[in-house]
Amino acid sequence: DFKKFKDIAASVNSYVLADIAHVAGL
């Protein structure tokens, strides 16, 4: 759930790195 991670990061002024190596095709 990328949106949940983004919301959490925004609340603490953090960047997000999403590593989609396994699911890129999906």
PDB file of all heavy atoms in Angstrom:
ATOM      1  N   ASP A   1       0.853  -1.185   0.000  1.00  0.00           N
ATOM      2  CA  ASP A   1       0.000   0.000   0.000  1.00  0.00           C
ATOM      3  C   ASP A   1       0.895   1.243   0.000  1.00  0.00           C
ATOM      4  O   ASP A   1       1.252   1.783   1.052  1.00  0.00           O
ATOM      5  CB  ASP A   1      -0.925  -0.004   1.226  1.00  0.00           C
ATOM      6  CG  ASP A   1      -2.020   1.052   1.131  1.00  0.00           C
ATOM      7  OD1 ASP A   1      -1.794   2.080   0.463  1.00  0.00           O
ATOM      8  OD2 ASP A   1      -3.102   0.840   1.714  1.00  0.00           O
ATOM      9  N   PHE A   2       1.259   1.700  -1.182  1.00  0.00           N
ATOM     10  CA  PHE A   2       2.184   2.832  -1.300  1.00  0.00           C
ATOM     11  C   PHE A   2       1.602   4.118  -0.722  1.00  0.00           C
ATOM     12  O   PHE A   2       2.331   4.944  -0.170  1.00  0.00           O
ATOM     13  CB  PHE A   2       2.567   3.052  -2.768  1.00  0.00           C
ATOM     14  CG  PHE A   2       3.330   1.915  -3.368  1.00  0.00           C
ATOM     15  CD1 PHE A   2       2.858   1.262  -4.495  1.00  0.00           C
ATOM     16  CD2 PHE A   2       4.528   1.491  -2.808  1.00  0.00           C
ATOM     17  CE1 PHE A   2       3.564   0.210  -5.061  1.00  0.00           C
ATOM     18  CE2 PHE A   2       5.241   0.434  -3.358  1.00  0.00           C
ATOM     19  CZ  PHE A   2       4.759  -0.210  -4.487  1.00  0.00           C
ATOM     20  N   LYS A   3       0.286   4.286  -0.837  1.00  0.00           N
ATOM     21  CA  LYS A   3      -0.324   5.507  -0.327  1.00  0.00           C
ATOM     22  C   LYS A   3      -0.185   5.599   1.194  1.00  0.00           C
ATOM     23  O   LYS A   3       0.075   6.672   1.743  1.00  0.00           O
ATOM     24  CB  LYS A   3      -1.795   5.570  -0.714  1.00  0.00           C
ATOM     25  CG  LYS A   3      -2.450   6.910  -0.361  1.00  0.00           C
ATOM     26  CD  LYS A   3      -3.875   6.995  -0.838  1.00  0.00           C
ATOM     27  CE  LYS A   3      -4.447   8.391  -0.557  1.00  0.00           C
ATOM     28  NZ  LYS A   3      -4.283   8.822   0.833  1.00  0.00           N
ATOM     29  N   LYS A   4      -0.350   4.465   1.883  1.00  0.00           N
ATOM     30  CA  LYS A   4      -0.181   4.469   3.337  1.00  0.00           C
ATOM     31  C   LYS A   4       1.239   4.863   3.713  1.00  0.00           C
ATOM     32  O   LYS A   4       1.456   5.645   4.638  1.00  0.00           O
ATOM     33  CB  LYS A   4      -0.513   3.085   3.920  1.00  0.00           C
ATOM     34  CG  LYS A   4      -2.001   2.827   4.105  1.00  0.00           C
ATOM     35  CD  LYS A   4      -2.227   1.527   4.856  1.00  0.00           C
ATOM     36  CE  LYS A   4      -3.713   1.281   5.070  1.00  0.00           C
ATOM     37  NZ  LYS A   4      -3.964  -0.006   5.785  1.00  0.00           N
ATOM     38  N   PHE A   5       2.202   4.303   3.003  1.00  0.00           N
ATOM     39  CA  PHE A   5       3.597   4.646   3.286  1.00  0.00           C
ATOM     40  C   PHE A   5       3.856   6.125   3.002  1.00  0.00           C
ATOM     41  O   PHE A   5       4.553   6.795   3.769  1.00  0.00           O
ATOM     42  CB  PHE A   5       4.543   3.777   2.452  1.00  0.00           C
ATOM     43  CG  PHE A   5       4.802   2.423   3.043  1.00  0.00           C
ATOM     44  CD1 PHE A   5       4.188   1.291   2.520  1.00  0.00           C
ATOM     45  CD2 PHE A   5       5.664   2.274   4.112  1.00  0.00           C
ATOM     46  CE1 PHE A   5       4.428   0.036   3.069  1.00  0.00           C
ATOM     47  CE2 PHE A   5       5.915   1.022   4.670  1.00  0.00           C
ATOM     48  CZ  PHE A   5       5.295  -0.100   4.141  1.00  0.00           C
ATOM     49  N   LYS A   6       3.305   6.631   1.918  1.00  0.00           N
ATOM     50  CA  LYS A   6       3.502   8.036   1.573  1.00  0.00           C
ATOM     51  C   LYS A   6       2.896   8.944   2.639  1.00  0.00           C
ATOM     52  O   LYS A   6       3.496   9.960   3.034  1.00  0.00           O
ATOM     53  CB  LYS A   6       2.885   8.326   0.201  1.00  0.00           C
ATOM     54  CG  LYS A   6       2.969   9.785  -0.235  1.00  0.00           C
ATOM     55  CD  LYS A   6       4.398  10.284  -0.318  1.00  0.00           C
ATOM     56  CE  LYS A   6       4.441  11.733  -0.762  1.00  0.00           C
ATOM     57  NZ  LYS A   6       5.805  12.299  -0.705  1.00  0.00           N
ATOM     58  N   ASP A   7       1.706   8.596   3.132  1.00  0.00           N
ATOM     59  CA  ASP A   7       1.056   9.401   4.164  1.00  0.00           C
ATOM     60  C   ASP A   7       1.860   9.404   5.457  1.00  0.00           C
ATOM     61  O   ASP A   7       2.001  10.443   6.115  1.00  0.00           O
ATOM     62  CB  ASP A   7      -0.358   8.872   4.429  1.00  0.00           C
ATOM     63  CG  ASP A   7      -1.315   9.147   3.277  1.00  0.00           C
ATOM     64  OD1 ASP A   7      -0.984   9.988   2.411  1.00  0.00           O
ATOM     65  OD2 ASP A   7      -2.393   8.514   3.230  1.00  0.00           O
ATOM     66  N   ILE A   8       2.381   8.227   5.830  1.00  0.00           N
ATOM     67  CA  ILE A   8       3.207   8.131   7.038  1.00  0.00           C
ATOM     68  C   ILE A   8       4.462   8.980   6.878  1.00  0.00           C
ATOM     69  O   ILE A   8       4.853   9.743   7.770  1.00  0.00           O
ATOM     70  CB  ILE A   8       3.579   6.668   7.340  1.00  0.00           C
ATOM     71  CG1 ILE A   8       2.334   5.872   7.741  1.00  0.00           C
ATOM     72  CG2 ILE A   8       4.641   6.585   8.445  1.00  0.00           C
ATOM     73  CD1 ILE A   8       2.555   4.364   7.805  1.00  0.00           C
ATOM     74  N   ALA A   9       5.097   8.869   5.709  1.00  0.00           N
ATOM     75  CA  ALA A   9       6.320   9.629   5.462  1.00  0.00           C
ATOM     76  C   ALA A   9       6.064  11.130   5.496  1.00  0.00           C
ATOM     77  O   ALA A   9       6.855  11.903   6.044  1.00  0.00           O
ATOM     78  CB  ALA A   9       6.919   9.220   4.114  1.00  0.00           C
ATOM     79  N   ALA A  10       4.958  11.538   4.909  1.00  0.00           N
ATOM     80  CA  ALA A  10       4.631  12.966   4.872  1.00  0.00           C
ATOM     81  C   ALA A  10       4.449  13.529   6.283  1.00  0.00           C
ATOM     82  O   ALA A  10       4.810  14.685   6.550  1.00  0.00           O
ATOM     83  CB  ALA A  10       3.372  13.188   4.047  1.00  0.00           C
ATOM     84  N   SER A  11       3.932  12.693   7.178  1.00  0.00           N
ATOM     85  CA  SER A  11       3.685  13.161   8.546  1.00  0.00           C
ATOM     86  C   SER A  11       4.970  13.404   9.330  1.00  0.00           C
ATOM     87  O   SER A  11       4.952  14.103  10.348  1.00  0.00           O
ATOM     88  CB  SER A  11       2.799  12.149   9.294  1.00  0.00           C
ATOM     89  OG  SER A  11       3.519  10.958   9.589  1.00  0.00           O
ATOM     90  N   VAL A  12       6.086  12.825   8.870  1.00  0.00           N
ATOM     91  CA  VAL A  12       7.372  13.011   9.571  1.00  0.00           C
ATOM     92  C   VAL A  12       8.420  13.642   8.654  1.00  0.00           C
ATOM     93  O   VAL A  12       9.607  13.597   8.934  1.00  0.00           O
ATOM     94  CB  VAL A  12       7.890  11.668  10.144  1.00  0.00           C
ATOM     95  CG1 VAL A  12       6.958  11.155  11.226  1.00  0.00           C
ATOM     96  CG2 VAL A  12       8.089  10.627   9.047  1.00  0.00           C
ATOM     97  N   ASN A  13       7.943  14.185   7.514  1.00  0.00           N
ATOM     98  CA  ASN A  13       8.831  14.872   6.571  1.00  0.00           C
ATOM     99  C   ASN A  13       9.954  13.961   6.066  1.00  0.00           C
ATOM    100  O   ASN A  13      11.124  14.321   6.069  1.00  0.00           O
ATOM    101  CB  ASN A  13       9.422  16.131   7.218  1.00  0.00           C
ATOM    102  CG  ASN A  13      10.027  17.071   6.191  1.00  0.00           C
ATOM    103  OD1 ASN A  13       9.583  17.118   5.040  1.00  0.00           O
ATOM    104  ND2 ASN A  13      11.046  17.811   6.597  1.00  0.00           N
ATOM    105  N   SER A  14       9.576  12.771   5.617  1.00  0.00           N
ATOM    106  CA  SER A  14      10.536  11.767   5.154  1.00  0.00           C
ATOM    107  C   SER A  14      10.344  11.472   3.672  1.00  0.00           C
ATOM    108  O   SER A  14       9.231  11.561   3.144  1.00  0.00           O
ATOM    109  CB  SER A  14      10.354  10.480   5.966  1.00  0.00           C
ATOM    110  OG  SER A  14      11.129   9.432   5.437  1.00  0.00           O
ATOM    111  N   TYR A  15      11.433  11.125   2.999  1.00  0.00           N
ATOM    112  CA  TYR A  15      11.337  10.616   1.639  1.00  0.00           C
ATOM    113  C   TYR A  15      10.853   9.173   1.673  1.00  0.00           C
ATOM    114  O   TYR A  15      10.970   8.478   2.693  1.00  0.00           O
ATOM    115  CB  TYR A  15      12.707  10.610   0.950  1.00  0.00           C
ATOM    116  CG  TYR A  15      13.323  11.964   0.721  1.00  0.00           C
ATOM    117  CD1 TYR A  15      14.564  12.290   1.277  1.00  0.00           C
ATOM    118  CD2 TYR A  15      12.705  12.904  -0.093  1.00  0.00           C
ATOM    119  CE1 TYR A  15      15.163  13.523   1.051  1.00  0.00           C
ATOM    120  CE2 TYR A  15      13.303  14.146  -0.334  1.00  0.00           C
ATOM    121  CZ  TYR A  15      14.530  14.444   0.256  1.00  0.00           C
ATOM    122  OH  TYR A  15      15.117  15.667   0.026  1.00  0.00           O
ATOM    123  N   VAL A  16      10.343   8.708   0.530  1.00  0.00           N
ATOM    124  CA  VAL A  16      10.009   7.288   0.368  1.00  0.00           C
ATOM    125  C   VAL A  16      10.753   6.736  -0.835  1.00  0.00           C
ATOM    126  O   VAL A  16      10.778   7.360  -1.905  1.00  0.00           O
ATOM    127  CB  VAL A  16       8.497   7.051   0.189  1.00  0.00           C
ATOM    128  CG1 VAL A  16       8.207   5.554   0.001  1.00  0.00           C
ATOM    129  CG2 VAL A  16       7.711   7.579   1.376  1.00  0.00           C
ATOM    130  N   LEU A  17      11.373   5.581  -0.649  1.00  0.00           N
ATOM    131  CA  LEU A  17      11.961   4.817  -1.749  1.00  0.00           C
ATOM    132  C   LEU A  17      11.139   3.548  -1.906  1.00  0.00           C
ATOM    133  O   LEU A  17      11.053   2.734  -0.976  1.00  0.00           O
ATOM    134  CB  LEU A  17      13.419   4.450  -1.445  1.00  0.00           C
ATOM    135  CG  LEU A  17      14.043   3.332  -2.288  1.00  0.00           C
ATOM    136  CD1 LEU A  17      14.006   3.667  -3.777  1.00  0.00           C
ATOM    137  CD2 LEU A  17      15.470   3.041  -1.841  1.00  0.00           C
ATOM    138  N   ALA A  18      10.514   3.382  -3.057  1.00  0.00           N
ATOM    139  CA  ALA A  18       9.761   2.164  -3.351  1.00  0.00           C
ATOM    140  C   ALA A  18      10.595   1.284  -4.277  1.00  0.00           C
ATOM    141  O   ALA A  18      10.872   1.664  -5.415  1.00  0.00           O
ATOM    142  CB  ALA A  18       8.425   2.499  -4.003  1.00  0.00           C
ATOM    143  N   ASP A  19      10.994   0.137  -3.780  1.00  0.00           N
ATOM    144  CA  ASP A  19      11.766  -0.826  -4.562  1.00  0.00           C
ATOM    145  C   ASP A  19      10.789  -1.857  -5.113  1.00  0.00           C
ATOM    146  O   ASP A  19      10.311  -2.726  -4.384  1.00  0.00           O
ATOM    147  CB  ASP A  19      12.815  -1.482  -3.666  1.00  0.00           C
ATOM    148  CG  ASP A  19      13.701  -2.468  -4.413  1.00  0.00           C
ATOM    149  OD1 ASP A  19      13.313  -2.917  -5.502  1.00  0.00           O
ATOM    150  OD2 ASP A  19      14.778  -2.811  -3.885  1.00  0.00           O
ATOM    151  N   ILE A  20      10.480  -1.757  -6.404  1.00  0.00           N
ATOM    152  CA  ILE A  20       9.476  -2.636  -7.007  1.00  0.00           C
ATOM    153  C   ILE A  20      10.124  -3.712  -7.878  1.00  0.00           C
ATOM    154  O   ILE A  20       9.510  -4.211  -8.833  1.00  0.00           O
ATOM    155  CB  ILE A  20       8.447  -1.837  -7.825  1.00  0.00           C
ATOM    156  CG1 ILE A  20       9.110  -1.056  -8.961  1.00  0.00           C
ATOM    157  CG2 ILE A  20       7.653  -0.905  -6.913  1.00  0.00           C
ATOM    158  CD1 ILE A  20       8.113  -0.458  -9.965  1.00  0.00           C
ATOM    159  N   ALA A  21      11.351  -4.087  -7.535  1.00  0.00           N
ATOM    160  CA  ALA A  21      12.089  -5.052  -8.349  1.00  0.00           C
ATOM    161  C   ALA A  21      11.280  -6.308  -8.649  1.00  0.00           C
ATOM    162  O   ALA A  21      11.302  -6.821  -9.769  1.00  0.00           O
ATOM    163  CB  ALA A  21      13.399  -5.431  -7.653  1.00  0.00           C
ATOM    164  N   HIS A  22      10.560  -6.806  -7.653  1.00  0.00           N
ATOM    165  CA  HIS A  22       9.828  -8.057  -7.850  1.00  0.00           C
ATOM    166  C   HIS A  22       8.520  -7.889  -8.603  1.00  0.00           C
ATOM    167  O   HIS A  22       8.074  -8.804  -9.293  1.00  0.00           O
ATOM    168  CB  HIS A  22       9.579  -8.737  -6.507  1.00  0.00           C
ATOM    169  CG  HIS A  22      10.678  -9.666  -6.116  1.00  0.00           C
ATOM    170  ND1 HIS A  22      10.714 -10.989  -6.496  1.00  0.00           N
ATOM    171  CD2 HIS A  22      11.800  -9.464  -5.399  1.00  0.00           C
ATOM    172  CE1 HIS A  22      11.806 -11.562  -6.023  1.00  0.00           C
ATOM    173  NE2 HIS A  22      12.487 -10.650  -5.363  1.00  0.00           N
ATOM    174  N   VAL A  23       7.886  -6.736  -8.470  1.00  0.00           N
ATOM    175  CA  VAL A  23       6.533  -6.592  -9.016  1.00  0.00           C
ATOM    176  C   VAL A  23       6.447  -5.625 -10.194  1.00  0.00           C
ATOM    177  O   VAL A  23       5.356  -5.251 -10.612  1.00  0.00           O
ATOM    178  CB  VAL A  23       5.551  -6.149  -7.906  1.00  0.00           C
ATOM    179  CG1 VAL A  23       5.452  -7.218  -6.829  1.00  0.00           C
ATOM    180  CG2 VAL A  23       5.954  -4.807  -7.296  1.00  0.00           C
ATOM    181  N   ALA A  24       7.578  -5.237 -10.764  1.00  0.00           N
ATOM    182  CA  ALA A  24       7.573  -4.236 -11.838  1.00  0.00           C
ATOM    183  C   ALA A  24       6.668  -4.634 -13.003  1.00  0.00           C
ATOM    184  O   ALA A  24       5.930  -3.809 -13.545  1.00  0.00           O
ATOM    185  CB  ALA A  24       8.996  -3.992 -12.333  1.00  0.00           C
ATOM    186  N   GLY A  25       6.730  -5.893 -13.401  1.00  0.00           N
ATOM    187  CA  GLY A  25       5.874  -6.348 -14.497  1.00  0.00           C
ATOM    188  C   GLY A  25       4.403  -6.241 -14.151  1.00  0.00           C
ATOM    189  O   GLY A  25       3.571  -5.860 -14.987  1.00  0.00           O
ATOM    190  N   LEU A  26       4.072  -6.546 -12.909  1.00  0.00           N
ATOM    191  CA  LEU A  26       2.688  -6.440 -12.449  1.00  0.00           C
ATOM    192  C   LEU A  26       2.237  -4.984 -12.411  1.00  0.00           C
ATOM    193  O   LEU A  26       1.081  -4.674 -12.709  1.00  0.00           O
ATOM    194  CB  LEU A  26       2.545  -7.078 -11.066  1.00  0.00           C
ATOM    195  CG  LEU A  26       2.939  -8.559 -10.960  1.00  0.00           C
ATOM    196  CD1 LEU A  26       2.872  -9.032  -9.509  1.00  0.00           C
ATOM    197  CD2 LEU A  26       2.038  -9.426 -11.833  1.00  0.00           C
TER     198      LEU A  26
END
